[in-house]
């Protein structure tokens, strides 16, 4: 993917946007550090949205979940006293 600096992006924004709309995404960098990625809206580059609660009712979290293994952890950190 092509990287352009902020000055080039400002100077040639229309042309860069047209190319991105045709599928040629690009990265805008400042002082060599990538800042943003420009891709067409129809791009599948984006991660699929996560579905929250898709296992509701299929799993159960024990009431003592936040204390599970507590004894073993405490013994590991007690060391030789």
Protein backbone atom coordinates (compact mmCIF):
# COMPACT_ATOMS: atom_id res chain seq x y z
CA UNK A 1 0.00 0.00 0.00
CA UNK A 2 1.35 3.40 -0.98
CA UNK A 3 2.42 5.85 1.74
CA UNK A 4 2.24 9.61 1.21
CA UNK A 5 3.27 12.42 3.52
CA UNK A 6 0.77 14.97 4.78
CA UNK A 7 1.98 17.69 2.38
CA UNK A 8 1.54 15.42 -0.65
CA UNK A 9 -1.88 14.32 0.64
CA UNK A 10 -3.03 17.95 0.97
CA UNK A 11 -1.62 18.89 -2.43
CA UNK A 12 -3.08 15.92 -4.32
CA UNK A 13 -6.09 15.01 -2.19
CA UNK A 14 -8.61 14.87 -5.05
CA UNK A 15 -6.43 12.57 -7.12
CA UNK A 16 -5.61 10.34 -4.13
CA UNK A 17 -9.28 10.04 -3.16
CA UNK A 18 -10.21 9.07 -6.72
CA UNK A 19 -7.54 6.35 -6.72
CA UNK A 20 -8.67 5.11 -3.31
CA UNK A 21 -12.28 4.96 -4.53
CA UNK A 22 -11.05 2.67 -7.34
CA UNK A 23 -9.49 0.34 -4.76
CA UNK A 24 -5.97 1.79 -4.43
CA UNK A 25 -5.91 2.60 -0.72
CA UNK A 26 -3.07 4.63 0.76
CA UNK A 27 -1.52 5.60 4.07
CA UNK A 28 -0.91 9.18 5.18
CA UNK A 29 2.24 9.62 7.27
CA UNK A 30 3.69 12.55 9.20
CA UNK A 31 7.46 12.66 9.66
CA UNK A 32 7.57 9.08 8.37
CA UNK A 33 5.12 7.80 11.01
CA UNK A 34 1.93 6.28 9.55
CA UNK A 35 -1.15 8.08 10.89
CA UNK A 36 -4.20 7.00 8.88
CA UNK A 37 -5.19 4.51 6.20
CA UNK A 38 -7.55 5.61 3.43
CA UNK A 39 -9.51 2.80 1.78
CA UNK A 40 -12.73 2.70 -0.21
CA UNK A 41 -15.92 2.27 1.82
CA UNK A 42 -16.63 -0.99 0.06
CA UNK A 43 -13.28 -2.40 1.21
CA UNK A 44 -13.32 -5.66 3.19
CA UNK A 45 -10.05 -4.66 4.93
CA UNK A 46 -12.02 -3.84 8.05
CA UNK A 47 -12.42 -6.43 10.77
CA UNK A 48 -15.87 -7.95 11.01
CA UNK A 49 -17.88 -6.49 13.89
CA UNK A 50 -17.95 -8.65 16.99
CA UNK A 51 -21.28 -9.94 18.17
CA UNK A 52 -21.75 -9.50 21.90
CA UNK A 53 -23.77 -12.05 23.78
CA UNK A 54 -23.76 -14.72 21.09
CA UNK A 55 -23.24 -17.45 23.72
CA UNK A 56 -25.88 -16.16 26.12
CA UNK A 57 -27.50 -19.05 27.93
CA UNK A 58 -24.97 -21.58 26.62
CA UNK A 59 -22.20 -21.04 29.17
CA UNK A 60 -22.17 -20.25 32.87
CA UNK A 61 -19.52 -18.31 34.78
CA UNK A 62 -19.03 -19.65 38.33
CA UNK A 63 -19.73 -17.25 41.19
CA UNK A 64 -16.14 -17.66 42.41
CA UNK A 65 -14.60 -17.02 38.98
CA UNK A 66 -12.56 -14.03 40.19
CA UNK A 67 -11.13 -16.14 43.05
CA UNK A 68 -10.33 -19.32 41.08
CA UNK A 69 -6.74 -20.41 41.70
CA UNK A 70 -6.28 -17.77 44.38
CA UNK A 71 -4.63 -20.20 46.84
CA UNK A 72 -2.09 -21.39 44.26
CA UNK A 73 -1.29 -17.82 43.24
CA UNK A 74 -0.81 -16.73 46.84
CA UNK A 75 1.52 -19.70 47.51
CA UNK A 76 3.56 -18.85 44.41
CA UNK A 77 4.16 -15.31 45.66
CA UNK A 78 4.83 -16.17 49.32
CA UNK A 79 8.20 -17.71 48.55
CA UNK A 80 10.55 -18.56 51.42
CA UNK A 81 9.49 -16.51 54.42
